[in-house]
PDB file of N, CA and C in Angstrom:
ATOM      1  N   UNK A   1     -15.894   0.431  -6.961  1.00  0.00           N
ATOM      2  CA  UNK A   1     -16.422   1.469  -6.247  1.00  0.00           C
ATOM      3  C   UNK A   1     -15.372   2.466  -5.860  1.00  0.00           C
ATOM      4  N   UNK A   2     -15.719   3.794  -6.516  1.00  0.00           N
ATOM      5  CA  UNK A   2     -14.552   4.800  -6.280  1.00  0.00           C
ATOM      6  C   UNK A   2     -14.675   5.163  -4.593  1.00  0.00           C
ATOM      7  N   UNK A   3     -13.344   5.291  -4.216  1.00  0.00           N
ATOM      8  CA  UNK A   3     -13.425   5.661  -2.894  1.00  0.00           C
ATOM      9  C   UNK A   3     -13.390   4.438  -1.959  1.00  0.00           C
ATOM     10  N   UNK A   4     -13.176   3.350  -2.565  1.00  0.00           N
ATOM     11  CA  UNK A   4     -13.454   2.164  -1.732  1.00  0.00           C
ATOM     12  C   UNK A   4     -11.955   2.272  -1.077  1.00  0.00           C
ATOM     13  N   UNK A   5     -12.181   1.538   0.389  1.00  0.00           N
ATOM     14  CA  UNK A   5     -10.739   1.436   1.210  1.00  0.00           C
ATOM     15  C   UNK A   5      -9.738   0.509   0.161  1.00  0.00           C
ATOM     16  N   UNK A   6     -10.072  -0.598  -0.554  1.00  0.00           N
ATOM     17  CA  UNK A   6      -9.170  -1.262  -1.356  1.00  0.00           C
ATOM     18  C   UNK A   6      -8.431  -0.173  -2.360  1.00  0.00           C
ATOM     19  N   UNK A   7      -9.161   0.477  -2.945  1.00  0.00           N
ATOM     20  CA  UNK A   7      -8.509   1.468  -3.799  1.00  0.00           C
ATOM     21  C   UNK A   7      -7.750   2.614  -3.490  1.00  0.00           C
ATOM     22  N   UNK A   8      -8.184   3.009  -2.567  1.00  0.00           N
ATOM     23  CA  UNK A   8      -7.285   4.094  -1.852  1.00  0.00           C
ATOM     24  C   UNK A   8      -6.168   3.510  -1.255  1.00  0.00           C
ATOM     25  N   UNK A   9      -6.452   2.408  -0.436  1.00  0.00           N
ATOM     26  CA  UNK A   9      -5.085   1.735  -0.135  1.00  0.00           C
ATOM     27  C   UNK A   9      -4.196   1.350  -0.916  1.00  0.00           C
ATOM     28  N   UNK A  10      -4.406   0.807  -2.308  1.00  0.00           N
ATOM     29  CA  UNK A  10      -3.465   0.758  -3.236  1.00  0.00           C
ATOM     30  C   UNK A  10      -2.771   2.095  -3.527  1.00  0.00           C
ATOM     31  N   UNK A  11      -3.676   3.060  -3.729  1.00  0.00           N
ATOM     32  CA  UNK A  11      -3.143   4.427  -4.080  1.00  0.00           C
ATOM     33  C   UNK A  11      -2.039   5.003  -3.180  1.00  0.00           C
ATOM     34  N   UNK A  12      -2.324   4.690  -1.824  1.00  0.00           N
ATOM     35  CA  UNK A  12      -1.625   5.074  -0.833  1.00  0.00           C
ATOM     36  C   UNK A  12      -0.340   4.513  -0.817  1.00  0.00           C
ATOM     37  N   UNK A  13      -0.209   3.097  -0.925  1.00  0.00           N
ATOM     38  CA  UNK A  13       0.882   2.489  -1.098  1.00  0.00           C
ATOM     39  C   UNK A  13       1.613   2.819  -2.326  1.00  0.00           C
ATOM     40  N   UNK A  14       0.983   3.065  -3.379  1.00  0.00           N
ATOM     41  CA  UNK A  14       1.631   3.270  -4.730  1.00  0.00           C
ATOM     42  C   UNK A  14       2.257   4.825  -4.527  1.00  0.00           C
ATOM     43  N   UNK A  15       1.627   5.579  -3.812  1.00  0.00           N
ATOM     44  CA  UNK A  15       2.197   6.925  -3.579  1.00  0.00           C
ATOM     45  C   UNK A  15       3.273   6.917  -2.665  1.00  0.00           C
ATOM     46  N   UNK A  16       3.362   6.018  -1.608  1.00  0.00           N
ATOM     47  CA  UNK A  16       4.451   5.943  -0.943  1.00  0.00           C
ATOM     48  C   UNK A  16       5.649   5.446  -1.409  1.00  0.00           C
ATOM     49  N   UNK A  17       5.501   4.479  -2.371  1.00  0.00           N
ATOM     50  CA  UNK A  17       6.655   3.951  -3.266  1.00  0.00           C
ATOM     51  C   UNK A  17       7.215   5.210  -3.995  1.00  0.00           C
ATOM     52  N   UNK A  18       6.543   6.079  -4.820  1.00  0.00           N
ATOM     53  CA  UNK A  18       6.889   7.089  -5.360  1.00  0.00           C
ATOM     54  C   UNK A  18       7.649   8.210  -4.615  1.00  0.00           C
ATOM     55  N   UNK A  19       6.915   8.420  -3.761  1.00  0.00           N
ATOM     56  CA  UNK A  19       7.477   9.604  -2.724  1.00  0.00           C
ATOM     57  C   UNK A  19       8.890   9.076  -2.101  1.00  0.00           C
ATOM     58  N   UNK A  20       8.911   7.566  -1.950  1.00  0.00           N
ATOM     59  CA  UNK A  20      10.307   7.170  -1.421  1.00  0.00           C
ATOM     60  C   UNK A  20      11.197   7.368  -2.377  1.00  0.00           C
ATOM     61  N   UNK A  21      10.903   6.867  -3.633  1.00  0.00           N
ATOM     62  CA  UNK A  21      11.916   6.776  -4.746  1.00  0.00           C
ATOM     63  C   UNK A  21      12.523   8.207  -5.171  1.00  0.00           C
ATOM     64  N   UNK A  22      11.235   9.159  -4.857  1.00  0.00           N
ATOM     65  CA  UNK A  22      11.796  10.278  -5.277  1.00  0.00           C
ATOM     66  C   UNK A  22      12.866  10.869  -4.260  1.00  0.00           C
ATOM     67  N   UNK A  23      12.498  10.887  -2.880  1.00  0.00           N
ATOM     68  CA  UNK A  23      13.387  11.252  -1.898  1.00  0.00           C
ATOM     69  C   UNK A  23      14.871  10.566  -2.181  1.00  0.00           C
ATOM     70  N   UNK A  24      14.899   9.292  -2.492  1.00  0.00           N
ATOM     71  CA  UNK A  24      16.116   8.663  -2.803  1.00  0.00           C
ATOM     72  C   UNK A  24      16.872   9.367  -3.719  1.00  0.00           C
ATOM     73  N   UNK A  25      16.103   9.714  -5.044  1.00  0.00           N
ATOM     74  CA  UNK A  25      16.861  10.065  -6.034  1.00  0.00           C
ATOM     75  C   UNK A  25      17.193  11.755  -6.121  1.00  0.00           C
ATOM     76  N   UNK A  26      16.139  12.493  -5.530  1.00  0.00           N
ATOM     77  CA  UNK A  26      16.275  13.746  -5.381  1.00  0.00           C
ATOM     78  C   UNK A  26      16.614  14.474  -4.134  1.00  0.00           C
ATOM     79  N   UNK A  27      16.306  13.854  -2.908  1.00  0.00           N
ATOM     80  CA  UNK A  27      16.465  14.590  -1.654  1.00  0.00           C
ATOM     81  C   UNK A  27      15.057  14.588  -1.276  1.00  0.00           C
ATOM     82  N   UNK A  28      15.155  14.893   0.117  1.00  0.00           N
ATOM     83  CA  UNK A  28      13.751  14.998   0.873  1.00  0.00           C
ATOM     84  C   UNK A  28      12.978  16.217   0.522  1.00  0.00           C
ATOM     85  N   UNK A  29      11.633  16.053   0.272  1.00  0.00           N
ATOM     86  CA  UNK A  29      10.632  17.174   0.052  1.00  0.00           C
ATOM     87  C   UNK A  29       9.694  16.984   1.231  1.00  0.00           C
ATOM     88  N   UNK A  30       9.552  17.836   2.080  1.00  0.00           N
ATOM     89  CA  UNK A  30       8.725  17.889   3.132  1.00  0.00           C
ATOM     90  C   UNK A  30       7.121  17.872   2.701  1.00  0.00           C
ATOM     91  N   UNK A  31       6.928  18.834   1.595  1.00  0.00           N
ATOM     92  CA  UNK A  31       5.505  18.714   0.866  1.00  0.00           C
ATOM     93  C   UNK A  31       4.998  17.481   0.512  1.00  0.00           C
ATOM     94  N   UNK A  32       5.969  16.650   0.117  1.00  0.00           N
ATOM     95  CA  UNK A  32       5.341  15.314  -0.639  1.00  0.00           C
ATOM     96  C   UNK A  32       5.156  14.377   0.648  1.00  0.00           C
ATOM     97  N   UNK A  33       5.928  14.454   1.863  1.00  0.00           N
ATOM     98  CA  UNK A  33       5.792  13.840   2.781  1.00  0.00           C
ATOM     99  C   UNK A  33       4.388  14.246   3.381  1.00  0.00           C
ATOM    100  N   UNK A  34       4.260  15.233   3.630  1.00  0.00           N
ATOM    101  CA  UNK A  34       3.022  15.986   4.141  1.00  0.00           C
ATOM    102  C   UNK A  34       1.865  15.488   3.499  1.00  0.00           C
ATOM    103  N   UNK A  35       1.630  15.367   2.084  1.00  0.00           N
ATOM    104  CA  UNK A  35       0.810  15.123   1.036  1.00  0.00           C
ATOM    105  C   UNK A  35       0.498  13.417   1.249  1.00  0.00           C
ATOM    106  N   UNK A  36       1.467  12.866   1.554  1.00  0.00           N
ATOM    107  CA  UNK A  36       1.377  11.417   1.770  1.00  0.00           C
ATOM    108  C   UNK A  36       0.762  11.086   3.004  1.00  0.00           C
ATOM    109  N   UNK A  37       0.938  11.768   4.088  1.00  0.00           N
ATOM    110  CA  UNK A  37       0.322  11.606   5.327  1.00  0.00           C
ATOM    111  C   UNK A  37      -0.941  11.979   5.487  1.00  0.00           C
ATOM    112  N   UNK A  38      -1.345  13.110   4.706  1.00  0.00           N
ATOM    113  CA  UNK A  38      -2.878  13.395   4.686  1.00  0.00           C
ATOM    114  C   UNK A  38      -3.609  12.132   3.679  1.00  0.00           C
ATOM    115  N   UNK A  39      -3.031  11.765   2.724  1.00  0.00           N
ATOM    116  CA  UNK A  39      -3.445  10.646   1.835  1.00  0.00           C
ATOM    117  C   UNK A  39      -3.599   9.469   2.947  1.00  0.00           C
ATOM    118  N   UNK A  40      -2.820   9.152   3.588  1.00  0.00           N
ATOM    119  CA  UNK A  40      -2.702   8.015   4.655  1.00  0.00           C
ATOM    120  C   UNK A  40      -3.943   8.215   5.624  1.00  0.00           C
ATOM    121  N   UNK A  41      -4.218   9.398   6.143  1.00  0.00           N
ATOM    122  CA  UNK A  41      -5.089   9.886   6.835  1.00  0.00           C
ATOM    123  C   UNK A  41      -6.529   9.703   6.332  1.00  0.00           C
ATOM    124  N   UNK A  42      -6.950  10.098   5.177  1.00  0.00           N
ATOM    125  CA  UNK A  42      -8.030   9.915   4.401  1.00  0.00           C
ATOM    126  C   UNK A  42      -8.370   8.410   4.105  1.00  0.00           C
ATOM    127  N   UNK A  43      -7.414   7.759   3.874  1.00  0.00           N
ATOM    128  CA  UNK A  43      -7.652   6.534   3.527  1.00  0.00           C
ATOM    129  C   UNK A  43      -7.961   5.648   4.943  1.00  0.00           C
ATOM    130  N   UNK A  44      -7.418   5.873   6.056  1.00  0.00           N
ATOM    131  CA  UNK A  44      -7.842   5.505   7.209  1.00  0.00           C
ATOM    132  C   UNK A  44      -9.084   5.692   7.705  1.00  0.00           C
ATOM    133  N   UNK A  45      -9.401   7.014   7.508  1.00  0.00           N
ATOM    134  CA  UNK A  45     -10.937   7.420   7.627  1.00  0.00           C
ATOM    135  C   UNK A  45     -11.951   6.822   6.922  1.00  0.00           C
ATOM    136  N   UNK A  46     -11.623   6.556   5.707  1.00  0.00           N
ATOM    137  CA  UNK A  46     -12.468   5.851   4.666  1.00  0.00           C
ATOM    138  C   UNK A  46     -12.555   4.436   4.994  1.00  0.00           C
ATOM    139  N   UNK A  47     -11.499   3.826   5.435  1.00  0.00           N
ATOM    140  CA  UNK A  47     -11.528   2.499   6.130  1.00  0.00           C
ATOM    141  C   UNK A  47     -12.663   2.388   7.314  1.00  0.00           C
ATOM    142  N   UNK A  48     -12.152   3.104   8.193  1.00  0.00           N
ATOM    143  CA  UNK A  48     -12.907   3.093   9.527  1.00  0.00           C
ATOM    144  C   UNK A  48     -14.550   3.481   9.280  1.00  0.00           C
ATOM    145  N   UNK A  49     -14.859   4.347   8.308  1.00  0.00           N
ATOM    146  CA  UNK A  49     -16.259   4.688   8.013  1.00  0.00           C
ATOM    147  C   UNK A  49     -16.933   3.473   7.250  1.00  0.00           C
ATOM    148  N   UNK A  50     -16.188   3.060   6.268  1.00  0.00           N
ATOM    149  CA  UNK A  50     -16.567   1.695   5.687  1.00  0.00           C
ATOM    150  C   UNK A  50     -17.066   0.584   6.578  1.00  0.00           C
ATOM    151  N   UNK A  51     -16.255   0.317   7.273  1.00  0.00           N
ATOM    152  CA  UNK A  51     -16.413  -1.006   8.269  1.00  0.00           C
ATOM    153  C   UNK A  51     -17.291  -0.651   9.336  1.00  0.00           C
ATOM    154  N   UNK A  52     -17.295   0.584   9.640  1.00  0.00           N
ATOM    155  CA  UNK A  52     -18.461   0.921  10.793  1.00  0.00           C
ATOM    156  C   UNK A  52     -19.698   0.682  10.118  1.00  0.00           C
ATOM    157  N   UNK A  53     -20.111   0.841   8.771  1.00  0.00           N
ATOM    158  CA  UNK A  53     -21.365   0.931   8.375  1.00  0.00           C
ATOM    159  C   UNK A  53     -21.743  -0.462   7.949  1.00  0.00           C
ATOM    160  N   UNK A  54     -20.933  -1.518   8.225  1.00  0.00           N
ATOM    161  CA  UNK A  54     -21.330  -2.918   8.004  1.00  0.00           C
ATOM    162  C   UNK A  54     -22.057  -3.490   9.029  1.00  0.00           C
TER     163      UNK A  54
END
């Protein structure tokens, strides 16, 4: 199911790995970290909404 907490969680973890690797190789980029935090909050919101509906 698109937008499920499992798929969003996997995307969030994968994005964290990519952002961390980019930071280690190229230096810190605040916009990448900001984007990751927004994705994390969306994932938490989706998980909270899905669990509440059960």
